[in-house]
């Protein structure tokens, strides 16, 4: 069984594609820090410095999805689905000026998924 840690809704894919057309190469980053806390942020690739404290969880709509390692330690047993909602978030994410924000929906990994991911 192949297990994935992250997924994305069709609505969110459409918004990502729109933002890719405008901004070029992007990344998702979920830090657990200030502002919207654990909400995923979509940023221009060159605007985000990544290092060994960032974990690559997968790729969504051609965009790498990273999570800070400290945050990952709390979320490693969950599957995340990125979606959008109307409203203005409190972050620097690219969708904010369009009146949307990315949100995550989470569930615990199944036993088979956990095993496939080496947990």
PDB file of N, CA and C in Angstrom:
ATOM      1  N   UNK A   1       0.838  -1.185   0.000  1.00  0.00           N
ATOM      2  CA  UNK A   1       0.000   0.000   0.000  1.00  0.00           C
ATOM      3  C   UNK A   1       0.882   1.248   0.000  1.00  0.00           C
ATOM      4  N   UNK A   2       0.535   2.193  -0.851  1.00  0.00           N
ATOM      5  CA  UNK A   2       1.221   3.484  -0.859  1.00  0.00           C
ATOM      6  C   UNK A   2       0.353   4.466  -0.083  1.00  0.00           C
ATOM      7  N   UNK A   3       0.937   5.110   0.893  1.00  0.00           N
ATOM      8  CA  UNK A   3       0.197   6.069   1.723  1.00  0.00           C
ATOM      9  C   UNK A   3       0.738   7.470   1.491  1.00  0.00           C
ATOM     10  N   UNK A   4      -0.157   8.431   1.496  1.00  0.00           N
ATOM     11  CA  UNK A   4       0.227   9.831   1.371  1.00  0.00           C
ATOM     12  C   UNK A   4      -0.202  10.572   2.620  1.00  0.00           C
ATOM     13  N   UNK A   5       0.580  11.558   2.994  1.00  0.00           N
ATOM     14  CA  UNK A   5       0.291  12.342   4.198  1.00  0.00           C
ATOM     15  C   UNK A   5      -0.630  13.524   3.925  1.00  0.00           C
ATOM     16  N   UNK A   6      -0.628  14.012   2.680  1.00  0.00           N
ATOM     17  CA  UNK A   6      -1.399  15.215   2.359  1.00  0.00           C
ATOM     18  C   UNK A   6      -2.205  15.022   1.082  1.00  0.00           C
ATOM     19  N   UNK A   7      -3.340  15.713   1.023  1.00  0.00           N
ATOM     20  CA  UNK A   7      -4.204  15.730  -0.159  1.00  0.00           C
ATOM     21  C   UNK A   7      -4.745  17.151  -0.294  1.00  0.00           C
ATOM     22  N   UNK A   8      -5.455  17.403  -1.394  1.00  0.00           N
ATOM     23  CA  UNK A   8      -5.989  18.740  -1.646  1.00  0.00           C
ATOM     24  C   UNK A   8      -7.326  18.608  -2.355  1.00  0.00           C
ATOM     25  N   UNK A   9      -8.251  19.490  -2.040  1.00  0.00           N
ATOM     26  CA  UNK A   9      -9.564  19.471  -2.682  1.00  0.00           C
ATOM     27  C   UNK A   9      -9.479  20.130  -4.060  1.00  0.00           C
ATOM     28  N   UNK A  10     -10.465  19.852  -4.887  1.00  0.00           N
ATOM     29  CA  UNK A  10     -10.516  20.457  -6.220  1.00  0.00           C
ATOM     30  C   UNK A  10     -10.626  21.980  -6.136  1.00  0.00           C
ATOM     31  N   UNK A  11     -11.397  22.470  -5.177  1.00  0.00           N
ATOM     32  CA  UNK A  11     -11.539  23.927  -5.006  1.00  0.00           C
ATOM     33  C   UNK A  11     -10.189  24.566  -4.691  1.00  0.00           C
ATOM     34  N   UNK A  12      -9.430  23.913  -3.833  1.00  0.00           N
ATOM     35  CA  UNK A  12      -8.117  24.439  -3.462  1.00  0.00           C
ATOM     36  C   UNK A  12      -7.139  24.350  -4.635  1.00  0.00           C
ATOM     37  N   UNK A  13      -7.227  23.284  -5.428  1.00  0.00           N
ATOM     38  CA  UNK A  13      -6.362  23.157  -6.606  1.00  0.00           C
ATOM     39  C   UNK A  13      -6.605  24.324  -7.558  1.00  0.00           C
ATOM     40  N   UNK A  14      -7.870  24.663  -7.789  1.00  0.00           N
ATOM     41  CA  UNK A  14      -8.188  25.767  -8.702  1.00  0.00           C
ATOM     42  C   UNK A  14      -7.558  27.074  -8.225  1.00  0.00           C
ATOM     43  N   UNK A  15      -7.594  27.317  -6.923  1.00  0.00           N
ATOM     44  CA  UNK A  15      -7.002  28.537  -6.380  1.00  0.00           C
ATOM     45  C   UNK A  15      -5.479  28.499  -6.483  1.00  0.00           C
ATOM     46  N   UNK A  16      -4.874  27.346  -6.221  1.00  0.00           N
ATOM     47  CA  UNK A  16      -3.422  27.207  -6.358  1.00  0.00           C
ATOM     48  C   UNK A  16      -3.000  27.492  -7.794  1.00  0.00           C
ATOM     49  N   UNK A  17      -3.718  26.920  -8.766  1.00  0.00           N
ATOM     50  CA  UNK A  17      -3.382  27.133 -10.175  1.00  0.00           C
ATOM     51  C   UNK A  17      -3.461  28.616 -10.538  1.00  0.00           C
ATOM     52  N   UNK A  18      -4.485  29.302 -10.057  1.00  0.00           N
ATOM     53  CA  UNK A  18      -4.625  30.736 -10.306  1.00  0.00           C
ATOM     54  C   UNK A  18      -3.425  31.500  -9.745  1.00  0.00           C
ATOM     55  N   UNK A  19      -3.007  31.136  -8.551  1.00  0.00           N
ATOM     56  CA  UNK A  19      -1.879  31.810  -7.912  1.00  0.00           C
ATOM     57  C   UNK A  19      -0.549  31.441  -8.568  1.00  0.00           C
ATOM     58  N   UNK A  20      -0.430  30.215  -9.072  1.00  0.00           N
ATOM     59  CA  UNK A  20       0.780  29.832  -9.809  1.00  0.00           C
ATOM     60  C   UNK A  20       0.911  30.663 -11.077  1.00  0.00           C
ATOM     61  N   UNK A  21      -0.203  30.872 -11.767  1.00  0.00           N
ATOM     62  CA  UNK A  21      -0.172  31.678 -12.990  1.00  0.00           C
ATOM     63  C   UNK A  21       0.329  33.096 -12.707  1.00  0.00           C
ATOM     64  N   UNK A  22      -0.034  33.612 -11.564  1.00  0.00           N
ATOM     65  CA  UNK A  22       0.355  34.984 -11.215  1.00  0.00           C
ATOM     66  C   UNK A  22       1.757  35.077 -10.620  1.00  0.00           C
ATOM     67  N   UNK A  23       2.124  34.096  -9.759  1.00  0.00           N
ATOM     68  CA  UNK A  23       3.360  34.222  -8.965  1.00  0.00           C
ATOM     69  C   UNK A  23       4.479  33.260  -9.350  1.00  0.00           C
ATOM     70  N   UNK A  24       4.212  32.274 -10.188  1.00  0.00           N
ATOM     71  CA  UNK A  24       5.267  31.317 -10.552  1.00  0.00           C
ATOM     72  C   UNK A  24       5.394  30.183  -9.545  1.00  0.00           C
ATOM     73  N   UNK A  25       6.629  29.768  -9.266  1.00  0.00           N
ATOM     74  CA  UNK A  25       6.884  28.618  -8.387  1.00  0.00           C
ATOM     75  C   UNK A  25       6.504  28.941  -6.942  1.00  0.00           C
ATOM     76  N   UNK A  26       5.725  28.029  -6.346  1.00  0.00           N
ATOM     77  CA  UNK A  26       5.187  28.238  -4.997  1.00  0.00           C
ATOM     78  C   UNK A  26       5.539  27.078  -4.085  1.00  0.00           C
ATOM     79  N   UNK A  27       5.382  27.303  -2.785  1.00  0.00           N
ATOM     80  CA  UNK A  27       5.462  26.231  -1.799  1.00  0.00           C
ATOM     81  C   UNK A  27       4.370  26.444  -0.751  1.00  0.00           C
ATOM     82  N   UNK A  28       3.906  25.337  -0.191  1.00  0.00           N
ATOM     83  CA  UNK A  28       3.081  25.385   1.005  1.00  0.00           C
ATOM     84  C   UNK A  28       4.012  25.217   2.198  1.00  0.00           C
ATOM     85  N   UNK A  29       3.732  25.960   3.273  1.00  0.00           N
ATOM     86  CA  UNK A  29       4.484  25.777   4.510  1.00  0.00           C
ATOM     87  C   UNK A  29       3.528  25.890   5.685  1.00  0.00           C
ATOM     88  N   UNK A  30       3.646  24.948   6.595  1.00  0.00           N
ATOM     89  CA  UNK A  30       2.834  24.944   7.812  1.00  0.00           C
ATOM     90  C   UNK A  30       3.785  24.975   8.997  1.00  0.00           C
ATOM     91  N   UNK A  31       3.812  26.107   9.691  1.00  0.00           N
ATOM     92  CA  UNK A  31       4.831  26.290  10.723  1.00  0.00           C
ATOM     93  C   UNK A  31       4.339  26.037  12.133  1.00  0.00           C
ATOM     94  N   UNK A  32       3.090  26.369  12.400  1.00  0.00           N
ATOM     95  CA  UNK A  32       2.608  26.276  13.771  1.00  0.00           C
ATOM     96  C   UNK A  32       3.003  27.480  14.592  1.00  0.00           C
ATOM     97  N   UNK A  33       3.513  28.501  13.928  1.00  0.00           N
ATOM     98  CA  UNK A  33       3.989  29.690  14.628  1.00  0.00           C
ATOM     99  C   UNK A  33       2.905  30.732  14.807  1.00  0.00           C
ATOM    100  N   UNK A  34       3.252  31.954  14.512  1.00  0.00           N
ATOM    101  CA  UNK A  34       2.367  33.098  14.771  1.00  0.00           C
ATOM    102  C   UNK A  34       1.201  33.154  13.790  1.00  0.00           C
ATOM    103  N   UNK A  35       0.468  34.212  13.880  1.00  0.00           N
ATOM    104  CA  UNK A  35      -0.643  34.526  12.970  1.00  0.00           C
ATOM    105  C   UNK A  35      -1.715  33.445  13.029  1.00  0.00           C
ATOM    106  N   UNK A  36      -1.931  32.733  11.932  1.00  0.00           N
ATOM    107  CA  UNK A  36      -2.967  31.709  11.880  1.00  0.00           C
ATOM    108  C   UNK A  36      -2.486  30.373  12.439  1.00  0.00           C
ATOM    109  N   UNK A  37      -1.375  30.364  13.121  1.00  0.00           N
ATOM    110  CA  UNK A  37      -0.905  29.145  13.771  1.00  0.00           C
ATOM    111  C   UNK A  37      -0.598  28.032  12.807  1.00  0.00           C
ATOM    112  N   UNK A  38      -1.398  26.981  12.817  1.00  0.00           N
ATOM    113  CA  UNK A  38      -1.082  25.813  12.002  1.00  0.00           C
ATOM    114  C   UNK A  38      -1.764  25.821  10.644  1.00  0.00           C
ATOM    115  N   UNK A  39      -2.285  26.948  10.203  1.00  0.00           N
ATOM    116  CA  UNK A  39      -2.858  27.028   8.860  1.00  0.00           C
ATOM    117  C   UNK A  39      -1.744  26.980   7.827  1.00  0.00           C
ATOM    118  N   UNK A  40      -1.970  26.265   6.723  1.00  0.00           N
ATOM    119  CA  UNK A  40      -0.939  26.240   5.680  1.00  0.00           C
ATOM    120  C   UNK A  40      -0.857  27.577   4.975  1.00  0.00           C
ATOM    121  N   UNK A  41       0.346  27.995   4.673  1.00  0.00           N
ATOM    122  CA  UNK A  41       0.556  29.231   3.926  1.00  0.00           C
ATOM    123  C   UNK A  41       1.116  28.879   2.554  1.00  0.00           C
ATOM    124  N   UNK A  42       0.629  29.548   1.534  1.00  0.00           N
ATOM    125  CA  UNK A  42       1.141  29.395   0.187  1.00  0.00           C
ATOM    126  C   UNK A  42       2.009  30.615  -0.103  1.00  0.00           C
ATOM    127  N   UNK A  43       3.269  30.350  -0.416  1.00  0.00           N
ATOM    128  CA  UNK A  43       4.247  31.421  -0.583  1.00  0.00           C
ATOM    129  C   UNK A  43       5.011  31.255  -1.887  1.00  0.00           C
ATOM    130  N   UNK A  44       5.544  32.365  -2.406  1.00  0.00           N
ATOM    131  CA  UNK A  44       6.455  32.259  -3.528  1.00  0.00           C
ATOM    132  C   UNK A  44       7.690  31.500  -3.053  1.00  0.00           C
ATOM    133  N   UNK A  45       8.175  30.600  -3.870  1.00  0.00           N
ATOM    134  CA  UNK A  45       9.280  29.710  -3.474  1.00  0.00           C
ATOM    135  C   UNK A  45      10.476  30.489  -2.922  1.00  0.00           C
ATOM    136  N   UNK A  46      10.850  31.566  -3.570  1.00  0.00           N
ATOM    137  CA  UNK A  46      12.048  32.293  -3.132  1.00  0.00           C
ATOM    138  C   UNK A  46      11.809  33.124  -1.872  1.00  0.00           C
ATOM    139  N   UNK A  47      10.565  33.242  -1.431  1.00  0.00           N
ATOM    140  CA  UNK A  47      10.267  34.009  -0.216  1.00  0.00           C
ATOM    141  C   UNK A  47      10.393  33.185   1.065  1.00  0.00           C
ATOM    142  N   UNK A  48      10.658  31.888   0.940  1.00  0.00           N
ATOM    143  CA  UNK A  48      10.706  31.020   2.114  1.00  0.00           C
ATOM    144  C   UNK A  48      12.042  30.297   2.171  1.00  0.00           C
ATOM    145  N   UNK A  49      12.756  30.498   3.270  1.00  0.00           N
ATOM    146  CA  UNK A  49      14.013  29.794   3.491  1.00  0.00           C
ATOM    147  C   UNK A  49      13.704  28.468   4.171  1.00  0.00           C
ATOM    148  N   UNK A  50      14.076  27.384   3.528  1.00  0.00           N
ATOM    149  CA  UNK A  50      13.883  26.047   4.093  1.00  0.00           C
ATOM    150  C   UNK A  50      15.222  25.519   4.582  1.00  0.00           C
ATOM    151  N   UNK A  51      15.174  24.752   5.675  1.00  0.00           N
ATOM    152  CA  UNK A  51      16.391  24.124   6.178  1.00  0.00           C
ATOM    153  C   UNK A  51      16.042  22.757   6.746  1.00  0.00           C
ATOM    154  N   UNK A  52      16.969  22.179   7.506  1.00  0.00           N
ATOM    155  CA  UNK A  52      16.765  20.824   8.036  1.00  0.00           C
ATOM    156  C   UNK A  52      15.618  20.737   9.043  1.00  0.00           C
ATOM    157  N   UNK A  53      15.074  21.875   9.459  1.00  0.00           N
ATOM    158  CA  UNK A  53      13.941  21.841  10.391  1.00  0.00           C
ATOM    159  C   UNK A  53      12.592  21.757   9.662  1.00  0.00           C
ATOM    160  N   UNK A  54      12.628  21.658   8.321  1.00  0.00           N
ATOM    161  CA  UNK A  54      11.407  21.544   7.529  1.00  0.00           C
ATOM    162  C   UNK A  54      11.295  20.151   6.931  1.00  0.00           C
ATOM    163  N   UNK A  55      10.108  19.554   7.041  1.00  0.00           N
ATOM    164  CA  UNK A  55       9.847  18.200   6.565  1.00  0.00           C
ATOM    165  C   UNK A  55       8.955  18.285   5.328  1.00  0.00           C
ATOM    166  N   UNK A  56       9.371  17.638   4.237  1.00  0.00           N
ATOM    167  CA  UNK A  56       8.554  17.583   3.034  1.00  0.00           C
ATOM    168  C   UNK A  56       7.518  16.482   3.212  1.00  0.00           C
ATOM    169  N   UNK A  57       6.228  16.857   3.202  1.00  0.00           N
ATOM    170  CA  UNK A  57       5.159  15.877   3.387  1.00  0.00           C
ATOM    171  C   UNK A  57       4.636  15.326   2.074  1.00  0.00           C
ATOM    172  N   UNK A  58       4.810  16.056   1.010  1.00  0.00           N
ATOM    173  CA  UNK A  58       4.311  15.614  -0.288  1.00  0.00           C
ATOM    174  C   UNK A  58       4.182  16.783  -1.227  1.00  0.00           C
ATOM    175  N   UNK A  59       3.498  16.529  -2.339  1.00  0.00           N
ATOM    176  CA  UNK A  59       3.298  17.563  -3.344  1.00  0.00           C
ATOM    177  C   UNK A  59       1.817  17.632  -3.683  1.00  0.00           C
ATOM    178  N   UNK A  60       1.287  18.855  -3.739  1.00  0.00           N
ATOM    179  CA  UNK A  60      -0.121  19.091  -4.036  1.00  0.00           C
ATOM    180  C   UNK A  60      -0.225  20.039  -5.217  1.00  0.00           C
ATOM    181  N   UNK A  61      -0.870  19.612  -6.274  1.00  0.00           N
ATOM    182  CA  UNK A  61      -1.054  20.451  -7.456  1.00  0.00           C
ATOM    183  C   UNK A  61       0.281  21.009  -7.952  1.00  0.00           C
ATOM    184  N   UNK A  62       1.330  20.193  -7.866  1.00  0.00           N
ATOM    185  CA  UNK A  62       2.648  20.617  -8.318  1.00  0.00           C
ATOM    186  C   UNK A  62       3.408  21.489  -7.343  1.00  0.00           C
ATOM    187  N   UNK A  63       2.907  21.603  -6.117  1.00  0.00           N
ATOM    188  CA  UNK A  63       3.505  22.470  -5.106  1.00  0.00           C
ATOM    189  C   UNK A  63       3.956  21.617  -3.919  1.00  0.00           C
ATOM    190  N   UNK A  64       5.238  21.716  -3.554  1.00  0.00           N
ATOM    191  CA  UNK A  64       5.728  20.983  -2.389  1.00  0.00           C
ATOM    192  C   UNK A  64       5.069  21.513  -1.116  1.00  0.00           C
ATOM    193  N   UNK A  65       4.752  20.589  -0.210  1.00  0.00           N
ATOM    194  CA  UNK A  65       4.111  20.931   1.063  1.00  0.00           C
ATOM    195  C   UNK A  65       5.082  20.580   2.188  1.00  0.00           C
ATOM    196  N   UNK A  66       5.535  21.614   2.904  1.00  0.00           N
ATOM    197  CA  UNK A  66       6.488  21.447   4.002  1.00  0.00           C
ATOM    198  C   UNK A  66       5.824  21.770   5.332  1.00  0.00           C
ATOM    199  N   UNK A  67       6.341  21.143   6.357  1.00  0.00           N
ATOM    200  CA  UNK A  67       5.901  21.425   7.724  1.00  0.00           C
ATOM    201  C   UNK A  67       7.144  21.516   8.604  1.00  0.00           C
ATOM    202  N   UNK A  68       7.129  22.483   9.499  1.00  0.00           N
ATOM    203  CA  UNK A  68       8.223  22.599  10.459  1.00  0.00           C
ATOM    204  C   UNK A  68       8.301  21.321  11.281  1.00  0.00           C
ATOM    205  N   UNK A  69       9.514  20.832  11.536  1.00  0.00           N
ATOM    206  CA  UNK A  69       9.702  19.554  12.243  1.00  0.00           C
ATOM    207  C   UNK A  69       9.026  19.537  13.611  1.00  0.00           C
ATOM    208  N   UNK A  70       9.098  20.628  14.352  1.00  0.00           N
ATOM    209  CA  UNK A  70       8.446  20.664  15.669  1.00  0.00           C
ATOM    210  C   UNK A  70       6.937  20.467  15.520  1.00  0.00           C
ATOM    211  N   UNK A  71       6.355  21.065  14.489  1.00  0.00           N
ATOM    212  CA  UNK A  71       4.932  20.890  14.215  1.00  0.00           C
ATOM    213  C   UNK A  71       4.659  19.464  13.743  1.00  0.00           C
ATOM    214  N   UNK A  72       5.534  18.924  12.893  1.00  0.00           N
ATOM    215  CA  UNK A  72       5.374  17.571  12.367  1.00  0.00           C
ATOM    216  C   UNK A  72       5.330  16.535  13.490  1.00  0.00           C
ATOM    217  N   UNK A  73       6.103  16.740  14.538  1.00  0.00           N
ATOM    218  CA  UNK A  73       6.097  15.799  15.661  1.00  0.00           C
ATOM    219  C   UNK A  73       4.699  15.630  16.250  1.00  0.00           C
ATOM    220  N   UNK A  74       3.885  16.681  16.193  1.00  0.00           N
ATOM    221  CA  UNK A  74       2.507  16.601  16.680  1.00  0.00           C
ATOM    222  C   UNK A  74       1.553  16.010  15.642  1.00  0.00           C
ATOM    223  N   UNK A  75       1.835  16.205  14.364  1.00  0.00           N
ATOM    224  CA  UNK A  75       0.918  15.845  13.281  1.00  0.00           C
ATOM    225  C   UNK A  75       1.303  14.552  12.559  1.00  0.00           C
ATOM    226  N   UNK A  76       2.385  13.891  12.926  1.00  0.00           N
ATOM    227  CA  UNK A  76       2.890  12.768  12.128  1.00  0.00           C
ATOM    228  C   UNK A  76       1.929  11.585  12.028  1.00  0.00           C
ATOM    229  N   UNK A  77       0.962  11.488  12.894  1.00  0.00           N
ATOM    230  CA  UNK A  77      -0.001  10.389  12.842  1.00  0.00           C
ATOM    231  C   UNK A  77      -1.310  10.795  12.172  1.00  0.00           C
ATOM    232  N   UNK A  78      -1.289  11.907  11.442  1.00  0.00           N
ATOM    233  CA  UNK A  78      -2.505  12.388  10.795  1.00  0.00           C
ATOM    234  C   UNK A  78      -2.332  12.531   9.292  1.00  0.00           C
ATOM    235  N   UNK A  79      -3.454  12.441   8.605  1.00  0.00           N
ATOM    236  CA  UNK A  79      -3.522  12.744   7.187  1.00  0.00           C
ATOM    237  C   UNK A  79      -4.168  14.120   7.075  1.00  0.00           C
ATOM    238  N   UNK A  80      -3.590  14.989   6.248  1.00  0.00           N
ATOM    239  CA  UNK A  80      -4.082  16.356   6.106  1.00  0.00           C
ATOM    240  C   UNK A  80      -4.672  16.556   4.718  1.00  0.00           C
ATOM    241  N   UNK A  81      -5.816  17.224   4.663  1.00  0.00           N
ATOM    242  CA  UNK A  81      -6.406  17.620   3.393  1.00  0.00           C
ATOM    243  C   UNK A  81      -6.503  19.138   3.380  1.00  0.00           C
ATOM    244  N   UNK A  82      -5.889  19.749   2.383  1.00  0.00           N
ATOM    245  CA  UNK A  82      -5.919  21.202   2.236  1.00  0.00           C
ATOM    246  C   UNK A  82      -7.186  21.593   1.491  1.00  0.00           C
ATOM    247  N   UNK A  83      -7.901  22.561   2.037  1.00  0.00           N
ATOM    248  CA  UNK A  83      -9.118  23.082   1.435  1.00  0.00           C
ATOM    249  C   UNK A  83      -9.056  24.604   1.530  1.00  0.00           C
ATOM    250  N   UNK A  84     -10.081  25.273   1.039  1.00  0.00           N
ATOM    251  CA  UNK A  84     -10.171  26.730   1.166  1.00  0.00           C
ATOM    252  C   UNK A  84     -11.497  27.098   1.805  1.00  0.00           C
ATOM    253  N   UNK A  85     -11.513  28.268   2.392  1.00  0.00           N
ATOM    254  CA  UNK A  85     -12.741  28.834   2.926  1.00  0.00           C
ATOM    255  C   UNK A  85     -12.706  30.329   2.636  1.00  0.00           C
ATOM    256  N   UNK A  86     -13.879  30.916   2.558  1.00  0.00           N
ATOM    257  CA  UNK A  86     -13.929  32.364   2.366  1.00  0.00           C
ATOM    258  C   UNK A  86     -13.554  33.044   3.669  1.00  0.00           C
ATOM    259  N   UNK A  87     -12.933  34.178   3.548  1.00  0.00           N
ATOM    260  CA  UNK A  87     -12.540  34.925   4.730  1.00  0.00           C
ATOM    261  C   UNK A  87     -11.091  35.314   4.663  1.00  0.00           C
ATOM    262  N   UNK A  88     -10.753  36.231   5.481  1.00  0.00           N
ATOM    263  CA  UNK A  88      -9.393  36.764   5.490  1.00  0.00           C
ATOM    264  C   UNK A  88      -8.629  36.163   6.660  1.00  0.00           C
ATOM    265  N   UNK A  89      -7.566  35.447   6.361  1.00  0.00           N
ATOM    266  CA  UNK A  89      -6.719  34.900   7.400  1.00  0.00           C
ATOM    267  C   UNK A  89      -5.721  35.935   7.891  1.00  0.00           C
ATOM    268  N   UNK A  90      -4.983  35.563   8.906  1.00  0.00           N
ATOM    269  CA  UNK A  90      -3.999  36.474   9.501  1.00  0.00           C
ATOM    270  C   UNK A  90      -2.594  35.975   9.204  1.00  0.00           C
ATOM    271  N   UNK A  91      -2.271  35.865   7.912  1.00  0.00           N
ATOM    272  CA  UNK A  91      -0.938  35.402   7.550  1.00  0.00           C
ATOM    273  C   UNK A  91      -0.481  36.134   6.292  1.00  0.00           C
ATOM    274  N   UNK A  92       0.672  35.729   5.788  1.00  0.00           N
ATOM    275  CA  UNK A  92       1.230  36.323   4.590  1.00  0.00           C
ATOM    276  C   UNK A  92       0.960  35.461   3.363  1.00  0.00           C
ATOM    277  N   UNK A  93       0.048  34.525   3.472  1.00  0.00           N
ATOM    278  CA  UNK A  93      -0.251  33.597   2.399  1.00  0.00           C
ATOM    279  C   UNK A  93      -0.842  34.327   1.191  1.00  0.00           C
ATOM    280  N   UNK A  94      -0.516  33.860   0.002  1.00  0.00           N
ATOM    281  CA  UNK A  94      -0.856  34.551  -1.244  1.00  0.00           C
ATOM    282  C   UNK A  94      -2.359  34.645  -1.530  1.00  0.00           C
ATOM    283  N   UNK A  95      -3.159  33.765  -0.972  1.00  0.00           N
ATOM    284  CA  UNK A  95      -4.595  33.783  -1.259  1.00  0.00           C
ATOM    285  C   UNK A  95      -5.361  34.836  -0.465  1.00  0.00           C
ATOM    286  N   UNK A  96      -4.776  35.366   0.571  1.00  0.00           N
ATOM    287  CA  UNK A  96      -5.459  36.299   1.478  1.00  0.00           C
ATOM    288  C   UNK A  96      -6.069  37.497   0.736  1.00  0.00           C
ATOM    289  N   UNK A  97      -5.334  38.165  -0.165  1.00  0.00           N
ATOM    290  CA  UNK A  97      -5.931  39.325  -0.857  1.00  0.00           C
ATOM    291  C   UNK A  97      -7.135  38.963  -1.737  1.00  0.00           C
ATOM    292  N   UNK A  98      -7.286  37.680  -2.081  1.00  0.00           N
ATOM    293  CA  UNK A  98      -8.405  37.245  -2.911  1.00  0.00           C
ATOM    294  C   UNK A  98      -9.651  36.928  -2.091  1.00  0.00           C
ATOM    295  N   UNK A  99      -9.556  37.073  -0.767  1.00  0.00           N
ATOM    296  CA  UNK A  99     -10.708  36.812   0.094  1.00  0.00           C
ATOM    297  C   UNK A  99     -10.891  35.357   0.489  1.00  0.00           C
ATOM    298  N   UNK A 100      -9.828  34.572   0.379  1.00  0.00           N
ATOM    299  CA  UNK A 100      -9.860  33.158   0.772  1.00  0.00           C
ATOM    300  C   UNK A 100      -8.712  32.878   1.723  1.00  0.00           C
ATOM    301  N   UNK A 101      -8.791  31.721   2.342  1.00  0.00           N
ATOM    302  CA  UNK A 101      -7.661  31.235   3.130  1.00  0.00           C
ATOM    303  C   UNK A 101      -7.637  29.723   3.057  1.00  0.00           C
ATOM    304  N   UNK A 102      -6.437  29.189   3.075  1.00  0.00           N
ATOM    305  CA  UNK A 102      -6.286  27.738   3.088  1.00  0.00           C
ATOM    306  C   UNK A 102      -6.498  27.236   4.504  1.00  0.00           C
ATOM    307  N   UNK A 103      -7.156  26.112   4.627  1.00  0.00           N
ATOM    308  CA  UNK A 103      -7.376  25.450   5.903  1.00  0.00           C
ATOM    309  C   UNK A 103      -7.044  23.972   5.728  1.00  0.00           C
ATOM    310  N   UNK A 104      -6.813  23.305   6.834  1.00  0.00           N
ATOM    311  CA  UNK A 104      -6.584  21.863   6.760  1.00  0.00           C
ATOM    312  C   UNK A 104      -7.683  21.133   7.504  1.00  0.00           C
ATOM    313  N   UNK A 105      -8.013  19.992   6.961  1.00  0.00           N
ATOM    314  CA  UNK A 105      -8.903  19.048   7.618  1.00  0.00           C
ATOM    315  C   UNK A 105      -8.025  17.843   7.913  1.00  0.00           C
ATOM    316  N   UNK A 106      -8.107  17.343   9.120  1.00  0.00           N
ATOM    317  CA  UNK A 106      -7.216  16.245   9.484  1.00  0.00           C
ATOM    318  C   UNK A 106      -8.000  15.047   9.985  1.00  0.00           C
ATOM    319  N   UNK A 107      -7.367  13.896   9.842  1.00  0.00           N
ATOM    320  CA  UNK A 107      -7.885  12.652  10.402  1.00  0.00           C
ATOM    321  C   UNK A 107      -6.692  11.797  10.789  1.00  0.00           C
ATOM    322  N   UNK A 108      -6.900  10.887  11.710  1.00  0.00           N
ATOM    323  CA  UNK A 108      -5.821   9.972  12.063  1.00  0.00           C
ATOM    324  C   UNK A 108      -5.542   9.032  10.911  1.00  0.00           C
ATOM    325  N   UNK A 109      -4.279   8.706  10.724  1.00  0.00           N
ATOM    326  CA  UNK A 109      -3.919   7.717   9.723  1.00  0.00           C
ATOM    327  C   UNK A 109      -4.510   6.368  10.103  1.00  0.00           C
ATOM    328  N   UNK A 110      -4.870   5.589   9.101  1.00  0.00           N
ATOM    329  CA  UNK A 110      -5.326   4.233   9.381  1.00  0.00           C
ATOM    330  C   UNK A 110      -4.120   3.383   9.793  1.00  0.00           C
ATOM    331  N   UNK A 111      -4.372   2.227  10.309  1.00  0.00           N
ATOM    332  CA  UNK A 111      -3.286   1.332  10.698  1.00  0.00           C
ATOM    333  C   UNK A 111      -2.429   0.976   9.484  1.00  0.00           C
ATOM    334  N   UNK A 112      -3.083   0.711   8.329  1.00  0.00           N
ATOM    335  CA  UNK A 112      -2.343   0.387   7.111  1.00  0.00           C
ATOM    336  C   UNK A 112      -1.498   1.563   6.635  1.00  0.00           C
ATOM    337  N   UNK A 113      -2.045   2.774   6.696  1.00  0.00           N
ATOM    338  CA  UNK A 113      -1.291   3.959   6.303  1.00  0.00           C
ATOM    339  C   UNK A 113      -0.096   4.165   7.226  1.00  0.00           C
ATOM    340  N   UNK A 114      -0.308   4.028   8.512  1.00  0.00           N
ATOM    341  CA  UNK A 114       0.792   4.189   9.477  1.00  0.00           C
ATOM    342  C   UNK A 114       1.911   3.205   9.189  1.00  0.00           C
ATOM    343  N   UNK A 115       1.532   1.960   8.928  1.00  0.00           N
ATOM    344  CA  UNK A 115       2.516   0.928   8.627  1.00  0.00           C
ATOM    345  C   UNK A 115       3.277   1.283   7.347  1.00  0.00           C
ATOM    346  N   UNK A 116       2.565   1.700   6.297  1.00  0.00           N
ATOM    347  CA  UNK A 116       3.191   2.043   5.020  1.00  0.00           C
ATOM    348  C   UNK A 116       4.148   3.226   5.165  1.00  0.00           C
ATOM    349  N   UNK A 117       3.869   4.123   6.096  1.00  0.00           N
ATOM    350  CA  UNK A 117       4.720   5.287   6.334  1.00  0.00           C
ATOM    351  C   UNK A 117       5.833   5.019   7.347  1.00  0.00           C
ATOM    352  N   UNK A 118       5.891   3.805   7.855  1.00  0.00           N
ATOM    353  CA  UNK A 118       6.958   3.431   8.776  1.00  0.00           C
ATOM    354  C   UNK A 118       6.787   3.922  10.192  1.00  0.00           C
ATOM    355  N   UNK A 119       5.546   4.138  10.589  1.00  0.00           N
ATOM    356  CA  UNK A 119       5.288   4.620  11.964  1.00  0.00           C
ATOM    357  C   UNK A 119       5.025   3.456  12.907  1.00  0.00           C
TER     358      UNK A 119
END
